[in-house]
Amino acid sequence: MDNSQRAAHQAGQAKGQAQEKASNLMDSASNAAQSAKETAQHAGQQMQQKAQGAADSVRNAMGGNNN
């Protein structure tokens, strides 16, 4: 293998390693985004439940519970 072939081989290896690292970073970013989305959805559900509970408490205190 001459110097030119060796250099091309090493460049190909470096390119492959860079692509693998980029792919791993993209996977990590995607996982982080999914986790953040789920956390935000959970927080939103909790806020909605608390708001509903507060509204129910006010309605009960005002005597407006007509279930």
PDB file of N, CA and C in Angstrom:
ATOM      1  N   MET A   1       0.868  -1.185   0.000  1.00  0.00           N
ATOM      2  CA  MET A   1       0.000   0.000   0.000  1.00  0.00           C
ATOM      3  C   MET A   1       0.901   1.231   0.000  1.00  0.00           C
ATOM      4  N   ASP A   2       0.768   2.094  -0.978  1.00  0.00           N
ATOM      5  CA  ASP A   2       1.607   3.293  -1.020  1.00  0.00           C
ATOM      6  C   ASP A   2       1.013   4.399  -0.140  1.00  0.00           C
ATOM      7  N   ASN A   3       1.742   5.490  -0.023  1.00  0.00           N
ATOM      8  CA  ASN A   3       1.320   6.584   0.859  1.00  0.00           C
ATOM      9  C   ASN A   3      -0.052   7.136   0.487  1.00  0.00           C
ATOM     10  N   SER A   4      -0.322   7.233  -0.790  1.00  0.00           N
ATOM     11  CA  SER A   4      -1.602   7.763  -1.246  1.00  0.00           C
ATOM     12  C   SER A   4      -2.751   6.840  -0.839  1.00  0.00           C
ATOM     13  N   GLN A   5      -2.546   5.538  -0.999  1.00  0.00           N
ATOM     14  CA  GLN A   5      -3.593   4.583  -0.610  1.00  0.00           C
ATOM     15  C   GLN A   5      -3.780   4.564   0.902  1.00  0.00           C
ATOM     16  N   ARG A   6      -2.670   4.644   1.625  1.00  0.00           N
ATOM     17  CA  ARG A   6      -2.732   4.663   3.091  1.00  0.00           C
ATOM     18  C   ARG A   6      -3.487   5.902   3.562  1.00  0.00           C
ATOM     19  N   ALA A   7      -3.198   7.031   2.969  1.00  0.00           N
ATOM     20  CA  ALA A   7      -3.877   8.276   3.345  1.00  0.00           C
ATOM     21  C   ALA A   7      -5.369   8.190   3.034  1.00  0.00           C
ATOM     22  N   ALA A   8      -5.711   7.612   1.876  1.00  0.00           N
ATOM     23  CA  ALA A   8      -7.125   7.474   1.522  1.00  0.00           C
ATOM     24  C   ALA A   8      -7.832   6.530   2.487  1.00  0.00           C
ATOM     25  N   HIS A   9      -7.138   5.466   2.867  1.00  0.00           N
ATOM     26  CA  HIS A   9      -7.720   4.503   3.817  1.00  0.00           C
ATOM     27  C   HIS A   9      -7.965   5.173   5.168  1.00  0.00           C
ATOM     28  N   GLN A  10      -6.978   5.913   5.642  1.00  0.00           N
ATOM     29  CA  GLN A  10      -7.119   6.599   6.934  1.00  0.00           C
ATOM     30  C   GLN A  10      -8.216   7.661   6.875  1.00  0.00           C
ATOM     31  N   ALA A  11      -8.322   8.336   5.757  1.00  0.00           N
ATOM     32  CA  ALA A  11      -9.385   9.333   5.597  1.00  0.00           C
ATOM     33  C   ALA A  11     -10.748   8.667   5.627  1.00  0.00           C
ATOM     34  N   GLY A  12     -10.841   7.514   4.988  1.00  0.00           N
ATOM     35  CA  GLY A  12     -12.110   6.776   5.007  1.00  0.00           C
ATOM     36  C   GLY A  12     -12.473   6.324   6.407  1.00  0.00           C
ATOM     37  N   GLN A  13     -11.463   5.856   7.153  1.00  0.00           N
ATOM     38  CA  GLN A  13     -11.723   5.438   8.533  1.00  0.00           C
ATOM     39  C   GLN A  13     -12.170   6.629   9.378  1.00  0.00           C
ATOM     40  N   ALA A  14     -11.493   7.747   9.218  1.00  0.00           N
ATOM     41  CA  ALA A  14     -11.847   8.943   9.986  1.00  0.00           C
ATOM     42  C   ALA A  14     -13.263   9.393   9.647  1.00  0.00           C
ATOM     43  N   LYS A  15     -13.614   9.327   8.367  1.00  0.00           N
ATOM     44  CA  LYS A  15     -14.966   9.720   7.954  1.00  0.00           C
ATOM     45  C   LYS A  15     -16.006   8.804   8.588  1.00  0.00           C
ATOM     46  N   GLY A  16     -15.731   7.500   8.579  1.00  0.00           N
ATOM     47  CA  GLY A  16     -16.660   6.550   9.188  1.00  0.00           C
ATOM     48  C   GLY A  16     -16.834   6.788  10.671  1.00  0.00           C
ATOM     49  N   GLN A  17     -15.733   7.065  11.354  1.00  0.00           N
ATOM     50  CA  GLN A  17     -15.807   7.333  12.793  1.00  0.00           C
ATOM     51  C   GLN A  17     -16.582   8.622  13.063  1.00  0.00           C
ATOM     52  N   ALA A  18     -16.361   9.631  12.240  1.00  0.00           N
ATOM     53  CA  ALA A  18     -17.090  10.891  12.415  1.00  0.00           C
ATOM     54  C   ALA A  18     -18.580  10.703  12.188  1.00  0.00           C
ATOM     55  N   GLN A  19     -18.923   9.903  11.185  1.00  0.00           N
ATOM     56  CA  GLN A  19     -20.342   9.642  10.921  1.00  0.00           C
ATOM     57  C   GLN A  19     -20.978   8.878  12.070  1.00  0.00           C
ATOM     58  N   GLU A  20     -20.248   7.926  12.635  1.00  0.00           N
ATOM     59  CA  GLU A  20     -20.784   7.161  13.771  1.00  0.00           C
ATOM     60  C   GLU A  20     -20.983   8.064  14.976  1.00  0.00           C
ATOM     61  N   LYS A  21     -20.005   8.939  15.252  1.00  0.00           N
ATOM     62  CA  LYS A  21     -20.153   9.871  16.375  1.00  0.00           C
ATOM     63  C   LYS A  21     -21.335  10.809  16.157  1.00  0.00           C
ATOM     64  N   ALA A  22     -21.476  11.294  14.934  1.00  0.00           N
ATOM     65  CA  ALA A  22     -22.601  12.183  14.630  1.00  0.00           C
ATOM     66  C   ALA A  22     -23.925  11.462  14.824  1.00  0.00           C
ATOM     67  N   SER A  23     -23.973  10.213  14.403  1.00  0.00           N
ATOM     68  CA  SER A  23     -25.195   9.424  14.564  1.00  0.00           C
ATOM     69  C   SER A  23     -25.512   9.225  16.046  1.00  0.00           C
ATOM     70  N   ASN A  24     -24.486   8.942  16.835  1.00  0.00           N
ATOM     71  CA  ASN A  24     -24.689   8.767  18.274  1.00  0.00           C
ATOM     72  C   ASN A  24     -25.162  10.057  18.927  1.00  0.00           C
ATOM     73  N   LEU A  25     -24.599  11.187  18.494  1.00  0.00           N
ATOM     74  CA  LEU A  25     -25.039  12.474  19.035  1.00  0.00           C
ATOM     75  C   LEU A  25     -26.496  12.754  18.672  1.00  0.00           C
ATOM     76  N   MET A  26     -26.862  12.423  17.439  1.00  0.00           N
ATOM     77  CA  MET A  26     -28.253  12.629  17.009  1.00  0.00           C
ATOM     78  C   MET A  26     -29.197  11.748  17.823  1.00  0.00           C
ATOM     79  N   ASP A  27     -28.788  10.504  18.081  1.00  0.00           N
ATOM     80  CA  ASP A  27     -29.612   9.609  18.899  1.00  0.00           C
ATOM     81  C   ASP A  27     -29.775  10.173  20.306  1.00  0.00           C
ATOM     82  N   SER A  28     -28.669  10.658  20.865  1.00  0.00           N
ATOM     83  CA  SER A  28     -28.723  11.241  22.213  1.00  0.00           C
ATOM     84  C   SER A  28     -29.631  12.461  22.250  1.00  0.00           C
ATOM     85  N   ALA A  29     -29.514  13.306  21.240  1.00  0.00           N
ATOM     86  CA  ALA A  29     -30.353  14.503  21.178  1.00  0.00           C
ATOM     87  C   ALA A  29     -31.823  14.132  21.038  1.00  0.00           C
ATOM     88  N   SER A  30     -32.093  13.119  20.224  1.00  0.00           N
ATOM     89  CA  SER A  30     -33.469  12.672  20.034  1.00  0.00           C
ATOM     90  C   SER A  30     -34.042  12.116  21.335  1.00  0.00           C
ATOM     91  N   ASN A  31     -33.238  11.330  22.037  1.00  0.00           N
ATOM     92  CA  ASN A  31     -33.692  10.777  23.320  1.00  0.00           C
ATOM     93  C   ASN A  31     -33.941  11.882  24.334  1.00  0.00           C
ATOM     94  N   ALA A  32     -33.073  12.880  24.362  1.00  0.00           N
ATOM     95  CA  ALA A  32     -33.250  14.001  25.288  1.00  0.00           C
ATOM     96  C   ALA A  32     -34.515  14.786  24.952  1.00  0.00           C
ATOM     97  N   ALA A  33     -34.755  14.989  23.674  1.00  0.00           N
ATOM     98  CA  ALA A  33     -35.954  15.718  23.249  1.00  0.00           C
ATOM     99  C   ALA A  33     -37.217  14.950  23.623  1.00  0.00           C
ATOM    100  N   GLN A  34     -37.203  13.639  23.424  1.00  0.00           N
ATOM    101  CA  GLN A  34     -38.367  12.814  23.771  1.00  0.00           C
ATOM    102  C   GLN A  34     -38.618  12.850  25.273  1.00  0.00           C
ATOM    103  N   SER A  35     -37.548  12.771  26.048  1.00  0.00           N
ATOM    104  CA  SER A  35     -37.674  12.828  27.503  1.00  0.00           C
ATOM    105  C   SER A  35     -38.234  14.177  27.951  1.00  0.00           C
ATOM    106  N   ALA A  36     -37.743  15.260  27.350  1.00  0.00           N
ATOM    107  CA  ALA A  36     -38.246  16.595  27.695  1.00  0.00           C
ATOM    108  C   ALA A  36     -39.718  16.728  27.332  1.00  0.00           C
ATOM    109  N   LYS A  37     -40.097  16.176  26.187  1.00  0.00           N
ATOM    110  CA  LYS A  37     -41.499  16.228  25.756  1.00  0.00           C
ATOM    111  C   LYS A  37     -42.388  15.498  26.753  1.00  0.00           C
ATOM    112  N   GLU A  38     -41.954  14.303  27.171  1.00  0.00           N
ATOM    113  CA  GLU A  38     -42.753  13.526  28.124  1.00  0.00           C
ATOM    114  C   GLU A  38     -42.846  14.224  29.472  1.00  0.00           C
ATOM    115  N   THR A  39     -41.738  14.842  29.895  1.00  0.00           N
ATOM    116  CA  THR A  39     -41.735  15.574  31.168  1.00  0.00           C
ATOM    117  C   THR A  39     -42.690  16.764  31.094  1.00  0.00           C
ATOM    118  N   ALA A  40     -42.665  17.471  29.983  1.00  0.00           N
ATOM    119  CA  ALA A  40     -43.553  18.630  29.816  1.00  0.00           C
ATOM    120  C   ALA A  40     -45.015  18.194  29.781  1.00  0.00           C
ATOM    121  N   GLN A  41     -45.295  17.088  29.105  1.00  0.00           N
ATOM    122  CA  GLN A  41     -46.667  16.589  29.052  1.00  0.00           C
ATOM    123  C   GLN A  41     -47.153  16.202  30.440  1.00  0.00           C
ATOM    124  N   HIS A  42     -46.283  15.547  31.203  1.00  0.00           N
ATOM    125  CA  HIS A  42     -46.647  15.134  32.562  1.00  0.00           C
ATOM    126  C   HIS A  42     -46.908  16.357  33.437  1.00  0.00           C
ATOM    127  N   ALA A  43     -46.036  17.346  33.326  1.00  0.00           N
ATOM    128  CA  ALA A  43     -46.211  18.571  34.108  1.00  0.00           C
ATOM    129  C   ALA A  43     -47.511  19.267  33.716  1.00  0.00           C
ATOM    130  N   GLY A  44     -47.813  19.287  32.437  1.00  0.00           N
ATOM    131  CA  GLY A  44     -49.060  19.899  31.965  1.00  0.00           C
ATOM    132  C   GLY A  44     -50.284  19.187  32.504  1.00  0.00           C
ATOM    133  N   GLN A  45     -50.220  17.860  32.534  1.00  0.00           N
ATOM    134  CA  GLN A  45     -51.340  17.084  33.074  1.00  0.00           C
ATOM    135  C   GLN A  45     -51.527  17.367  34.559  1.00  0.00           C
ATOM    136  N   GLN A  46     -50.401  17.453  35.288  1.00  0.00           N
ATOM    137  CA  GLN A  46     -50.505  17.753  36.715  1.00  0.00           C
ATOM    138  C   GLN A  46     -51.108  19.140  36.946  1.00  0.00           C
ATOM    139  N   MET A  47     -50.673  20.113  36.149  1.00  0.00           N
ATOM    140  CA  MET A  47     -51.224  21.468  36.288  1.00  0.00           C
ATOM    141  C   MET A  47     -52.718  21.478  35.978  1.00  0.00           C
ATOM    142  N   GLN A  48     -53.102  20.733  34.950  1.00  0.00           N
ATOM    143  CA  GLN A  48     -54.514  20.682  34.580  1.00  0.00           C
ATOM    144  C   GLN A  48     -55.335  20.052  35.708  1.00  0.00           C
ATOM    145  N   GLN A  49     -54.809  18.995  36.316  1.00  0.00           N
ATOM    146  CA  GLN A  49     -55.520  18.346  37.420  1.00  0.00           C
ATOM    147  C   GLN A  49     -55.635  19.273  38.628  1.00  0.00           C
ATOM    148  N   LYS A  50     -54.565  20.001  38.915  1.00  0.00           N
ATOM    149  CA  LYS A  50     -54.598  20.933  40.045  1.00  0.00           C
ATOM    150  C   LYS A  50     -55.583  22.066  39.791  1.00  0.00           C
ATOM    151  N   ALA A  51     -55.601  22.562  38.554  1.00  0.00           N
ATOM    152  CA  ALA A  51     -56.544  23.633  38.214  1.00  0.00           C
ATOM    153  C   ALA A  51     -57.976  23.135  38.321  1.00  0.00           C
ATOM    154  N   GLN A  52     -58.212  21.919  37.867  1.00  0.00           N
ATOM    155  CA  GLN A  52     -59.565  21.345  37.971  1.00  0.00           C
ATOM    156  C   GLN A  52     -59.955  21.175  39.426  1.00  0.00           C
ATOM    157  N   GLY A  53     -58.993  20.718  40.243  1.00  0.00           N
ATOM    158  CA  GLY A  53     -59.271  20.562  41.678  1.00  0.00           C
ATOM    159  C   GLY A  53     -59.577  21.891  42.325  1.00  0.00           C
ATOM    160  N   ALA A  54     -58.848  22.931  41.961  1.00  0.00           N
ATOM    161  CA  ALA A  54     -59.106  24.261  42.520  1.00  0.00           C
ATOM    162  C   ALA A  54     -60.468  24.773  42.083  1.00  0.00           C
ATOM    163  N   ALA A  55     -60.803  24.556  40.816  1.00  0.00           N
ATOM    164  CA  ALA A  55     -62.116  24.995  40.329  1.00  0.00           C
ATOM    165  C   ALA A  55     -63.236  24.252  41.044  1.00  0.00           C
ATOM    166  N   ASP A  56     -63.041  22.968  41.258  1.00  0.00           N
ATOM    167  CA  ASP A  56     -64.050  22.177  41.986  1.00  0.00           C
ATOM    168  C   ASP A  56     -64.199  22.674  43.420  1.00  0.00           C
ATOM    169  N   SER A  57     -63.069  23.014  44.050  1.00  0.00           N
ATOM    170  CA  SER A  57     -63.117  23.515  45.426  1.00  0.00           C
ATOM    171  C   SER A  57     -63.886  24.826  45.501  1.00  0.00           C
ATOM    172  N   VAL A  58     -63.627  25.711  44.557  1.00  0.00           N
ATOM    173  CA  VAL A  58     -64.339  26.988  44.533  1.00  0.00           C
ATOM    174  C   VAL A  58     -65.822  26.747  44.300  1.00  0.00           C
ATOM    175  N   ARG A  59     -66.142  25.868  43.347  1.00  0.00           N
ATOM    176  CA  ARG A  59     -67.542  25.573  43.048  1.00  0.00           C
ATOM    177  C   ARG A  59     -68.239  24.987  44.278  1.00  0.00           C
ATOM    178  N   ASN A  60     -67.557  24.091  44.992  1.00  0.00           N
ATOM    179  CA  ASN A  60     -68.144  23.507  46.203  1.00  0.00           C
ATOM    180  C   ASN A  60     -68.322  24.558  47.290  1.00  0.00           C
ATOM    181  N   ALA A  61     -67.346  25.437  47.429  1.00  0.00           N
ATOM    182  CA  ALA A  61     -67.433  26.480  48.449  1.00  0.00           C
ATOM    183  C   ALA A  61     -68.555  27.462  48.143  1.00  0.00           C
ATOM    184  N   MET A  62     -68.830  27.653  46.864  1.00  0.00           N
ATOM    185  CA  MET A  62     -69.871  28.583  46.472  1.00  0.00           C
ATOM    186  C   MET A  62     -71.242  27.902  46.423  1.00  0.00           C
ATOM    187  N   GLY A  63     -71.268  26.610  46.703  1.00  0.00           N
ATOM    188  CA  GLY A  63     -72.527  25.878  46.690  1.00  0.00           C
ATOM    189  C   GLY A  63     -73.037  25.568  45.292  1.00  0.00           C
ATOM    190  N   GLY A  64     -72.136  25.524  44.321  1.00  0.00           N
ATOM    191  CA  GLY A  64     -72.565  25.316  42.946  1.00  0.00           C
ATOM    192  C   GLY A  64     -72.268  23.912  42.437  1.00  0.00           C
ATOM    193  N   ASN A  65     -72.187  22.938  43.296  1.00  0.00           N
ATOM    194  CA  ASN A  65     -71.880  21.567  42.866  1.00  0.00           C
ATOM    195  C   ASN A  65     -73.177  20.855  42.522  1.00  0.00           C
ATOM    196  N   ASN A  66     -73.494  20.871  41.245  1.00  0.00           N
ATOM    197  CA  ASN A  66     -74.767  20.269  40.804  1.00  0.00           C
ATOM    198  C   ASN A  66     -74.522  18.996  40.028  1.00  0.00           C
ATOM    199  N   ASN A  67     -73.786  18.053  40.601  1.00  0.00           N
ATOM    200  CA  ASN A  67     -73.510  16.788  39.890  1.00  0.00           C
ATOM    201  C   ASN A  67     -74.734  15.943  39.861  1.00  0.00           C
TER     202      ASN A  67
END
